[in-house]
C-alpha atoms as a PDB file:
ATOM      1  CA  MET A   1     -26.713 -31.902   5.297  1.00  0.00           C
ATOM      2  CA  TRP A   2     -24.201 -31.092   2.727  1.00  0.00           C
ATOM      3  CA  GLY A   3     -26.047 -27.810   1.998  1.00  0.00           C
ATOM      4  CA  ARG A   4     -26.218 -26.727   5.666  1.00  0.00           C
ATOM      5  CA  GLY A   5     -22.597 -27.536   5.992  1.00  0.00           C
ATOM      6  CA  GLU A   6     -21.874 -25.347   3.196  1.00  0.00           C
ATOM      7  CA  THR A   7     -23.906 -22.651   4.478  1.00  0.00           C
ATOM      8  CA  ALA A   8     -22.302 -22.652   7.921  1.00  0.00           C
ATOM      9  CA  THR A   9     -18.674 -22.410   5.865  1.00  0.00           C
ATOM     10  CA  ALA A  10     -19.964 -19.649   4.067  1.00  0.00           C
ATOM     11  CA  GLU A  11     -21.191 -17.710   7.472  1.00  0.00           C
ATOM     12  CA  ASP A  12     -17.899 -18.613   9.023  1.00  0.00           C
ATOM     13  CA  LEU A  13     -16.010 -17.070   6.240  1.00  0.00           C
ATOM     14  CA  LYS A  14     -18.058 -13.953   6.375  1.00  0.00           C
ATOM     15  CA  SER A  15     -17.307 -13.656  10.246  1.00  0.00           C
ATOM     16  CA  SER A  16     -13.776 -14.224   9.457  1.00  0.00           C
ATOM     17  CA  VAL A  17     -13.622 -11.427   6.659  1.00  0.00           C
ATOM     18  CA  ARG A  18     -15.387  -9.154   9.192  1.00  0.00           C
ATOM     19  CA  LYS A  19     -12.948  -9.611  11.994  1.00  0.00           C
ATOM     20  CA  ASP A  20     -10.195  -9.231   9.625  1.00  0.00           C
ATOM     21  CA  LEU A  21     -11.880  -5.819   8.476  1.00  0.00           C
ATOM     22  CA  GLN A  22     -12.113  -4.663  12.074  1.00  0.00           C
ATOM     23  CA  VAL A  23      -8.324  -5.330  12.937  1.00  0.00           C
ATOM     24  CA  ARG A  24      -7.384  -3.599   9.455  1.00  0.00           C
ATOM     25  CA  LEU A  25      -9.691  -0.593  10.355  1.00  0.00           C
ATOM     26  CA  LEU A  26      -8.449   0.087  13.677  1.00  0.00           C
ATOM     27  CA  PRO A  27      -6.344   3.400  14.217  1.00  0.00           C
ATOM     28  CA  PRO A  28      -2.429   3.021  14.591  1.00  0.00           C
ATOM     29  CA  LEU A  29      -1.295   3.073  17.842  1.00  0.00           C
ATOM     30  CA  PRO A  30       0.434   6.378  18.970  1.00  0.00           C
ATOM     31  CA  SER A  31       4.067   6.518  18.436  1.00  0.00           C
ATOM     32  CA  SER A  32       6.074   6.158  21.829  1.00  0.00           C
ATOM     33  CA  SER A  33       8.360   8.856  20.355  1.00  0.00           C
ATOM     34  CA  LEU A  34       5.516  11.397  21.126  1.00  0.00           C
ATOM     35  CA  GLN A  35       5.294  10.843  24.696  1.00  0.00           C
ATOM     36  CA  PRO A  36       7.782  11.112  27.576  1.00  0.00           C
ATOM     37  CA  PRO A  37       8.881   7.926  29.537  1.00  0.00           C
ATOM     38  CA  ALA A  38       6.032   7.027  31.815  1.00  0.00           C
ATOM     39  CA  ASP A  39       8.240   7.931  34.986  1.00  0.00           C
ATOM     40  CA  LEU A  40       9.157  11.577  33.782  1.00  0.00           C
ATOM     41  CA  ARG A  41       6.661  13.790  35.319  1.00  0.00           C
ATOM     42  CA  ALA A  42       5.988  17.385  34.510  1.00  0.00           C
ATOM     43  CA  ALA A  43       7.655  18.726  37.799  1.00  0.00           C
ATOM     44  CA  GLN A  44      10.911  17.121  36.475  1.00  0.00           C
ATOM     45  CA  PHE A  45      10.995  18.701  32.974  1.00  0.00           C
ATOM     46  CA  ALA A  46      13.228  21.660  34.297  1.00  0.00           C
ATOM     47  CA  ALA A  47      15.739  19.321  35.462  1.00  0.00           C
ATOM     48  CA  TYR A  48      15.488  17.140  32.489  1.00  0.00           C
ATOM     49  CA  SER A  49      15.748  19.983  29.971  1.00  0.00           C
ATOM     50  CA  TYR A  50      18.943  21.279  31.808  1.00  0.00           C
ATOM     51  CA  LEU A  51      20.590  17.966  32.042  1.00  0.00           C
ATOM     52  CA  LEU A  52      19.795  17.386  28.519  1.00  0.00           C
ATOM     53  CA  GLY A  53      21.696  20.358  27.400  1.00  0.00           C
ATOM     54  CA  MET A  54      24.506  19.537  29.521  1.00  0.00           C
ATOM     55  CA  TYR A  55      24.694  15.858  28.247  1.00  0.00           C
ATOM     56  CA  LEU A  56      24.858  17.234  24.545  1.00  0.00           C
ATOM     57  CA  GLY A  57      27.885  19.190  25.690  1.00  0.00           C
ATOM     58  CA  ASP A  58      30.066  17.428  28.128  1.00  0.00           C
ATOM     59  CA  GLY A  59      27.759  14.310  28.777  1.00  0.00           C
ATOM     60  CA  TYR A  60      28.311  10.831  28.142  1.00  0.00           C
ATOM     61  CA  ILE A  61      26.297   7.411  28.776  1.00  0.00           C
ATOM     62  CA  CYS A  62      27.956   3.993  28.687  1.00  0.00           C
ATOM     63  CA  ARG A  63      26.711   0.598  29.091  1.00  0.00           C
ATOM     64  CA  THR A  64      28.289  -1.320  32.136  1.00  0.00           C
ATOM     65  CA  PRO A  65      27.562  -5.056  32.677  1.00  0.00           C
ATOM     66  CA  ARG A  66      24.432  -4.571  34.566  1.00  0.00           C
ATOM     67  CA  THR A  67      23.197  -0.779  33.894  1.00  0.00           C
ATOM     68  CA  TYR A  68      23.935   2.376  32.120  1.00  0.00           C
ATOM     69  CA  ARG A  69      26.137   5.059  33.790  1.00  0.00           C
ATOM     70  CA  PHE A  70      25.564   8.953  33.061  1.00  0.00           C
ATOM     71  CA  HIS A  71      28.478  11.046  33.669  1.00  0.00           C
ATOM     72  CA  VAL A  72      29.533  14.754  32.965  1.00  0.00           C
ATOM     73  CA  SER A  73      33.068  15.860  33.038  1.00  0.00           C
ATOM     74  CA  LEU A  74      33.561  19.574  34.415  1.00  0.00           C
ATOM     75  CA  HIS A  75      36.424  21.635  35.686  1.00  0.00           C
ATOM     76  CA  GLN A  76      37.017  21.235  39.314  1.00  0.00           C
ATOM     77  CA  ARG A  77      36.432  25.160  39.709  1.00  0.00           C
ATOM     78  CA  GLN A  78      33.258  24.994  38.404  1.00  0.00           C
ATOM     79  CA  GLY A  79      31.532  24.296  41.909  1.00  0.00           C
ATOM     80  CA  ARG A  80      28.077  25.583  41.220  1.00  0.00           C
ATOM     81  CA  VAL A  81      27.711  23.811  38.094  1.00  0.00           C
ATOM     82  CA  ILE A  82      28.793  20.693  39.641  1.00  0.00           C
ATOM     83  CA  GLU A  83      26.319  20.994  42.474  1.00  0.00           C
ATOM     84  CA  ARG A  84      23.516  21.994  39.885  1.00  0.00           C
ATOM     85  CA  VAL A  85      24.199  18.707  37.812  1.00  0.00           C
ATOM     86  CA  ALA A  86      24.055  16.596  40.876  1.00  0.00           C
ATOM     87  CA  GLN A  87      20.811  18.181  41.863  1.00  0.00           C
ATOM     88  CA  ALA A  88      19.298  17.640  38.202  1.00  0.00           C
ATOM     89  CA  ILE A  89      20.252  13.982  38.511  1.00  0.00           C
ATOM     90  CA  THR A  90      18.811  13.648  41.931  1.00  0.00           C
ATOM     91  CA  ALA A  91      15.738  15.207  40.677  1.00  0.00           C
ATOM     92  CA  LEU A  92      15.372  12.797  37.788  1.00  0.00           C
ATOM     93  CA  ARG A  93      16.386   9.721  39.635  1.00  0.00           C
ATOM     94  CA  PRO A  94      15.489  10.422  43.269  1.00  0.00           C
ATOM     95  CA  GLY A  95      16.915   7.976  45.848  1.00  0.00           C
ATOM     96  CA  ARG A  96      19.777   7.105  43.417  1.00  0.00           C
ATOM     97  CA  PRO A  97      23.388   7.926  44.590  1.00  0.00           C
ATOM     98  CA  VAL A  98      25.383  10.449  42.703  1.00  0.00           C
ATOM     99  CA  GLY A  99      29.129   9.835  42.550  1.00  0.00           C
ATOM    100  CA  PHE A 100      32.100  12.314  42.134  1.00  0.00           C
ATOM    101  CA  ARG A 101      35.492  11.208  40.732  1.00  0.00           C
ATOM    102  CA  ARG A 102      38.715  13.189  40.102  1.00  0.00           C
ATOM    103  CA  ARG A 103      40.759  13.176  37.196  1.00  0.00           C
ATOM    104  CA  GLY A 104      43.423  15.918  37.423  1.00  0.00           C
ATOM    105  CA  ALA A 105      41.655  19.062  37.304  1.00  0.00           C
ATOM    106  CA  VAL A 106      38.542  17.405  36.080  1.00  0.00           C
ATOM    107  CA  THR A 107      35.499  16.427  38.389  1.00  0.00           C
ATOM    108  CA  ILE A 108      33.343  13.720  36.824  1.00  0.00           C
ATOM    109  CA  VAL A 109      29.819  13.493  38.082  1.00  0.00           C
ATOM    110  CA  ASN A 110      28.111   9.858  37.591  1.00  0.00           C
ATOM    111  CA  ALA A 111      24.964   8.154  38.426  1.00  0.00           C
ATOM    112  CA  TYR A 112      23.966   4.620  37.332  1.00  0.00           C
ATOM    113  CA  SER A 113      20.268   3.617  36.323  1.00  0.00           C
ATOM    114  CA  ASN A 114      18.695   1.738  33.505  1.00  0.00           C
ATOM    115  CA  ALA A 115      16.721   4.700  32.533  1.00  0.00           C
ATOM    116  CA  TRP A 116      19.446   6.679  31.194  1.00  0.00           C
ATOM    117  CA  SER A 117      19.277   4.928  27.852  1.00  0.00           C
ATOM    118  CA  VAL A 118      15.522   5.807  27.602  1.00  0.00           C
ATOM    119  CA  LEU A 119      15.653   9.243  29.011  1.00  0.00           C
ATOM    120  CA  PHE A 120      18.593  10.221  26.551  1.00  0.00           C
ATOM    121  CA  PRO A 121      18.045   8.045  23.321  1.00  0.00           C
ATOM    122  CA  GLN A 122      20.801   9.964  21.572  1.00  0.00           C
ATOM    123  CA  HIS A 123      23.532   7.975  23.245  1.00  0.00           C
ATOM    124  CA  GLY A 124      25.535   5.625  21.190  1.00  0.00           C
ATOM    125  CA  ALA A 125      29.054   4.612  20.533  1.00  0.00           C
ATOM    126  CA  GLY A 126      31.609   7.108  19.314  1.00  0.00           C
ATOM    127  CA  ARG A 127      31.480  10.958  19.482  1.00  0.00           C
ATOM    128  CA  LYS A 128      28.516  12.923  19.279  1.00  0.00           C
ATOM    129  CA  HIS A 129      29.544  14.885  15.945  1.00  0.00           C
ATOM    130  CA  GLN A 130      30.216  11.678  14.233  1.00  0.00           C
ATOM    131  CA  ARG A 131      26.407  10.638  14.450  1.00  0.00           C
ATOM    132  CA  SER A 132      23.269  12.186  14.002  1.00  0.00           C
ATOM    133  CA  ILE A 133      21.849  14.121  17.180  1.00  0.00           C
ATOM    134  CA  ILE A 134      18.147  14.357  16.580  1.00  0.00           C
ATOM    135  CA  LEU A 135      15.702  15.030  19.414  1.00  0.00           C
ATOM    136  CA  GLU A 136      12.608  12.877  19.857  1.00  0.00           C
ATOM    137  CA  PRO A 137       9.370  14.700  19.586  1.00  0.00           C
ATOM    138  CA  TRP A 138       8.618  14.476  23.447  1.00  0.00           C
ATOM    139  CA  GLN A 139      12.051  15.988  24.038  1.00  0.00           C
ATOM    140  CA  ARG A 140      11.547  18.702  21.734  1.00  0.00           C
ATOM    141  CA  SER A 141       8.131  19.472  23.743  1.00  0.00           C
ATOM    142  CA  ILE A 142      10.286  19.556  26.891  1.00  0.00           C
ATOM    143  CA  VAL A 143      12.721  21.943  25.670  1.00  0.00           C
ATOM    144  CA  GLU A 144       9.920  24.193  24.272  1.00  0.00           C
ATOM    145  CA  GLN A 145       8.697  24.433  27.747  1.00  0.00           C
ATOM    146  CA  GLN A 146      11.943  24.877  29.503  1.00  0.00           C
ATOM    147  CA  PRO A 147      14.277  26.539  26.719  1.00  0.00           C
ATOM    148  CA  SER A 148      16.146  28.540  29.507  1.00  0.00           C
ATOM    149  CA  GLU A 149      17.237  25.397  31.471  1.00  0.00           C
ATOM    150  CA  PHE A 150      18.111  23.734  28.276  1.00  0.00           C
ATOM    151  CA  LEU A 151      20.616  26.642  27.267  1.00  0.00           C
ATOM    152  CA  ARG A 152      21.838  26.936  30.622  1.00  0.00           C
ATOM    153  CA  GLY A 153      23.021  23.354  30.467  1.00  0.00           C
ATOM    154  CA  CYS A 154      24.454  23.932  26.782  1.00  0.00           C
ATOM    155  CA  ILE A 155      26.396  27.108  28.209  1.00  0.00           C
ATOM    156  CA  GLU A 156      27.722  25.768  31.417  1.00  0.00           C
ATOM    157  CA  SER A 157      29.101  22.615  29.396  1.00  0.00           C
ATOM    158  CA  ASP A 158      30.435  23.557  26.157  1.00  0.00           C
ATOM    159  CA  GLY A 159      29.879  27.288  26.375  1.00  0.00           C
ATOM    160  CA  CYS A 160      31.310  30.731  28.024  1.00  0.00           C
ATOM    161  CA  ARG A 161      30.885  34.029  28.705  1.00  0.00           C
ATOM    162  CA  HIS A 162      33.884  36.175  27.627  1.00  0.00           C
ATOM    163  CA  ARG A 163      34.791  39.867  26.739  1.00  0.00           C
ATOM    164  CA  ARG A 164      35.614  41.023  23.090  1.00  0.00           C
ATOM    165  CA  ILE A 165      37.060  44.352  21.991  1.00  0.00           C
ATOM    166  CA  VAL A 166      35.117  46.474  19.338  1.00  0.00           C
ATOM    167  CA  GLY A 167      36.341  49.811  18.196  1.00  0.00           C
ATOM    168  CA  GLY A 168      38.557  49.995  21.264  1.00  0.00           C
ATOM    169  CA  ARG A 169      35.521  49.019  23.581  1.00  0.00           C
ATOM    170  CA  ASN A 170      35.146  46.002  25.737  1.00  0.00           C
ATOM    171  CA  TYR A 171      32.009  44.177  25.462  1.00  0.00           C
ATOM    172  CA  PRO A 172      30.470  40.916  26.952  1.00  0.00           C
ATOM    173  CA  ALA A 173      29.557  38.247  24.762  1.00  0.00           C
ATOM    174  CA  TYR A 174      28.557  34.620  24.995  1.00  0.00           C
ATOM    175  CA  SER A 175      29.874  31.879  22.841  1.00  0.00           C
ATOM    176  CA  PHE A 176      28.875  28.112  22.282  1.00  0.00           C
ATOM    177  CA  THR A 177      31.313  25.817  20.636  1.00  0.00           C
ATOM    178  CA  ASN A 178      30.668  22.192  19.401  1.00  0.00           C
ATOM    179  CA  HIS A 179      31.793  20.013  16.761  1.00  0.00           C
ATOM    180  CA  SER A 180      28.309  18.422  15.991  1.00  0.00           C
ATOM    181  CA  GLU A 181      26.303  20.498  13.256  1.00  0.00           C
ATOM    182  CA  ASP A 182      23.227  19.106  14.882  1.00  0.00           C
ATOM    183  CA  ILE A 183      23.971  20.178  18.385  1.00  0.00           C
ATOM    184  CA  LEU A 184      24.821  23.673  17.046  1.00  0.00           C
ATOM    185  CA  ARG A 185      21.222  23.841  15.333  1.00  0.00           C
ATOM    186  CA  LEU A 186      19.679  22.674  18.560  1.00  0.00           C
ATOM    187  CA  PHE A 187      21.358  25.406  20.409  1.00  0.00           C
ATOM    188  CA  VAL A 188      20.236  28.036  17.746  1.00  0.00           C
ATOM    189  CA  TRP A 189      16.764  26.615  17.745  1.00  0.00           C
ATOM    190  CA  ALA A 190      16.599  26.839  21.578  1.00  0.00           C
ATOM    191  CA  CYS A 191      17.933  30.452  21.578  1.00  0.00           C
ATOM    192  CA  GLY A 192      14.902  31.553  19.314  1.00  0.00           C
ATOM    193  CA  LEU A 193      12.605  30.237  21.673  1.00  0.00           C
ATOM    194  CA  ILE A 194      13.684  32.792  24.397  1.00  0.00           C
ATOM    195  CA  GLY A 195      13.924  35.349  21.524  1.00  0.00           C
ATOM    196  CA  VAL A 196      17.816  35.489  21.610  1.00  0.00           C
ATOM    197  CA  ARG A 197      19.427  36.341  18.201  1.00  0.00           C
ATOM    198  CA  PRO A 198      22.693  34.260  17.951  1.00  0.00           C
ATOM    199  CA  ARG A 199      25.014  34.389  14.903  1.00  0.00           C
ATOM    200  CA  ARG A 200      27.573  31.793  13.478  1.00  0.00           C
ATOM    201  CA  ALA A 201      30.987  32.943  14.400  1.00  0.00           C
ATOM    202  CA  ASN A 202      32.656  30.044  12.678  1.00  0.00           C
ATOM    203  CA  ARG A 203      32.308  26.432  11.768  1.00  0.00           C
ATOM    204  CA  VAL A 204      31.769  25.148  15.077  1.00  0.00           C
ATOM    205  CA  THR A 205      30.982  28.190  17.303  1.00  0.00           C
ATOM    206  CA  ILE A 206      27.809  30.256  17.839  1.00  0.00           C
ATOM    207  CA  SER A 207      28.129  33.712  19.218  1.00  0.00           C
ATOM    208  CA  ILE A 208      25.747  35.960  21.105  1.00  0.00           C
ATOM    209  CA  ALA A 209      26.700  39.521  21.511  1.00  0.00           C
ATOM    210  CA  ARG A 210      23.876  41.901  21.200  1.00  0.00           C
ATOM    211  CA  ARG A 211      23.459  43.754  24.329  1.00  0.00           C
ATOM    212  CA  THR A 212      19.802  42.672  25.198  1.00  0.00           C
ATOM    213  CA  ASP A 213      20.796  39.193  24.250  1.00  0.00           C
ATOM    214  CA  VAL A 214      23.833  38.872  26.603  1.00  0.00           C
ATOM    215  CA  ALA A 215      21.658  40.437  29.521  1.00  0.00           C
ATOM    216  CA  THR A 216      18.970  37.347  29.100  1.00  0.00           C
ATOM    217  CA  LEU A 217      21.440  34.862  29.155  1.00  0.00           C
ATOM    218  CA  ASP A 218      22.956  36.575  32.049  1.00  0.00           C
ATOM    219  CA  SER A 219      19.582  36.376  33.527  1.00  0.00           C
ATOM    220  CA  ILE A 220      19.756  32.668  32.925  1.00  0.00           C
ATOM    221  CA  VAL A 221      23.167  31.551  33.534  1.00  0.00           C
ATOM    222  CA  GLY A 222      23.681  33.969  36.512  1.00  0.00           C
ATOM    223  CA  ASP A 223      27.160  34.275  38.491  1.00  0.00           C
ATOM    224  CA  ASN A 224      28.954  30.941  38.038  1.00  0.00           C
ATOM    225  CA  ARG A 225      31.244  31.973  35.178  1.00  0.00           C
ATOM    226  CA  SER A 226      34.319  30.427  36.925  1.00  0.00           C
END
């Protein structure tokens, strides 16, 4: 009896070791940072890329007692941009109301959703230039698929089209200004995705002045420069 019991114990130990080895040999689960949120569909990527660029410029996400509020502050004269931001929010969170608040000359476009903290994991306390702004792999993939919309969001928030005088001639140019080095790098990276060659004008400003590059951005941004 004692020998059979000992044999049984050894067999149990072998089985336990085999199970343990099976668990240890399983491949690691894929990182959630590689995949977009489950409810973000490919048809929404353009709206997301645009809103990401807008968020990195003039956007902000704050925690409320029950949910999160996403809002973008724009000048009241930017009527077309305000409308475009509202449409992008609706595309991402269909059925959710989009609100508009006035604060002096500023129009704040806002919407509430528990999804904002997942869609924009860069949110956090304090100013963006005082913390790291690094895109998740799934966000970079979306921007790579929709770089023009990302750049449109960046320019319509923290950028502008302006004139510059060179050798007595008046030339159009674009600039993008942000105090976050991480965000400036993202803007330069996205420019490269569409073949635009930016240059660093100063510590906080990126300039696009070559004629062909300005024409490319004109085709993206369109006539909404007011």
